Amino acid sequence: MQITAAYTDLYQLTMAQVYFRTKPSGRAVFDYYYRNNPFNGGYSIFTGLEDVLDILETLKFSVSDIAYLEQHGFEKDFLDYLRDFRFRGAIYSCKEGDVVFPNRPILQVEANIIEAQIIETFLLNMLNFQTLIATKASRIRYSAKKEILLDMGLRRAHATGGYYASRAAAIGGFDGTSNVKAAEDYNIPCSGTMAHSFIQSYEDELQAFRDFAKWRPKNCVLLVDTFNTLKSGLPNAMIVAKEMEKKGEQLLGVRLDSGDLAYLSKKTRRMLDDANLDYVKIVVSNQLDEYVIKSLKEQGAPIDIFGVGTNLVTGKPDASLGGVYKLSEYNGEPRIKLSEDIIKVSLPYKKQVYRMLDENGMFYGADAVALFKEEKVTEMEHAFDANKSLNLSRFTHEPLLEKVMEHGKKVNSPRSVTEIASYSQSRLEKLPDEYKRFQNPHIYKIGLSTKLKQERDKLVQKHKF
């Protein structure tokens, strides 16, 4: 999909035209963060940054974009400005793949207010979706342990969102995807089996298996549930497996796509082993998620590969991440948004976030939000409860926000999906298990430095009615 600067909401442009008239050189800082972990979980996996940076480097309005906007009554000199539009700002961000938590900056945009406003919608669209899917994938990986996970969700994805879902799934811990285009562009291992229609197109299931194995002997997986898994599909697959052995080939696996997967996988494993086909892997699919996979593992189902589709790429049941983009500073002066809902009160000023590490280098369970120039936070205070605080003197402070873009150009060399996924896994290993459990996960503490809280409270009082 070709993304231009018109990939935004109309109100960004209507505001931008007013800025163009009244404050064309205004400098703004915006914070990107979210308010609640998805899936009632204990964490999220920050994903989408590399795509955002790649697109921002070349983002512009096309000739057809300008012609379209002219029809909406935008003034000629503003349209001339948009013809030359480029993002020339700076971005500070956590590393992509890091473990992140609610109500603390994950990414900060520092730019001309027109530029910062125009990119908001695109940035939220990309980061919210990929972070949601990567987090879902991470939870599924936690259930599957060391077994192979394949993303098979493109057909059920929200249109071209399936492309980015495959990337996010790989960062969240999946081993491969059926999505050819995403696999090609992001260098993700590509994998696939066969559809029921292939077998149905033949008069005989066995002949269908034979032809498939003849022309696709490498990584050959046969779908065995078209008619009857244990009485037809599996016996025919075993015949083909033995025929492949005579040619010096091996059947990679058989796939179960319906029925009681725990029961059928156990029966299948027993039949394969009895026929000395212990090397043939069992692949399962059909509405899998972290809970189903956890149940299958607890039942001792001998499954080697899980193919996950709909529930992964749609982020079921949440479907979206509520990430927001709030102005925190304008021309060096703090800005705040108030609300009767205290969780929606924003944090002013440009900021840094410090993660507390214990003596073993593990995440202690606390991130402190501080003013940007604060290098050490000795005390972390609850954002709204004056009776809650935490002394941070004994912890190692790890700064999380680093400059990743300056003057509209990336600062660092891009990282591959494989590198980001490896980094993400290393960070998850530092997160204690109580934050990863599915039921009532432990709540990760987010607090403010004393200085930031004082400044925030001053602004609250200043704007309070």
Foldseek 3Di string as FASTA:
>chain_A
DDDALVLFDVVLVVVLLVCVVPPQQKKFKKFKFFAADPLNFQWWFFDQVVVLLVCLLPHAADPVNLVVVVVVVRDDVVSVVRRPDHFFWWKWAFDGLFIHGGDAGGMMIIGRSSNVSSCFGVVQVRRWQLRLLLRQLLLQCVLQPPFAEEEEAPVQFDPCLSLSSQLSNLLSPHQAYCDVVSCVVQVGHHDDADDLVQCVVDPANLVSLLVCCVVCVPQYEAEQPSPHNPPHRLVSNVVNQVVQVVVVTGHAAYEYEDDDQQVSQVVSCVVCVVSVNNNHAYEYEYADGSVVSNVSVVSVRRHRYYYYHNCNNCSPPPSTTRMDMGIADMPRHGDWDDDPPRSRTHFHADWWKWFWAAPVRAGPQEIEIEHHPDPDFQKFAALPDRVDIDGRVRTDTDIRIDIQDHRSHGPDDDDRSNVSSVVSVVNVVSYDCQSSDSPPRDHRHYGYGPVRSVVSVVVCVVPPD
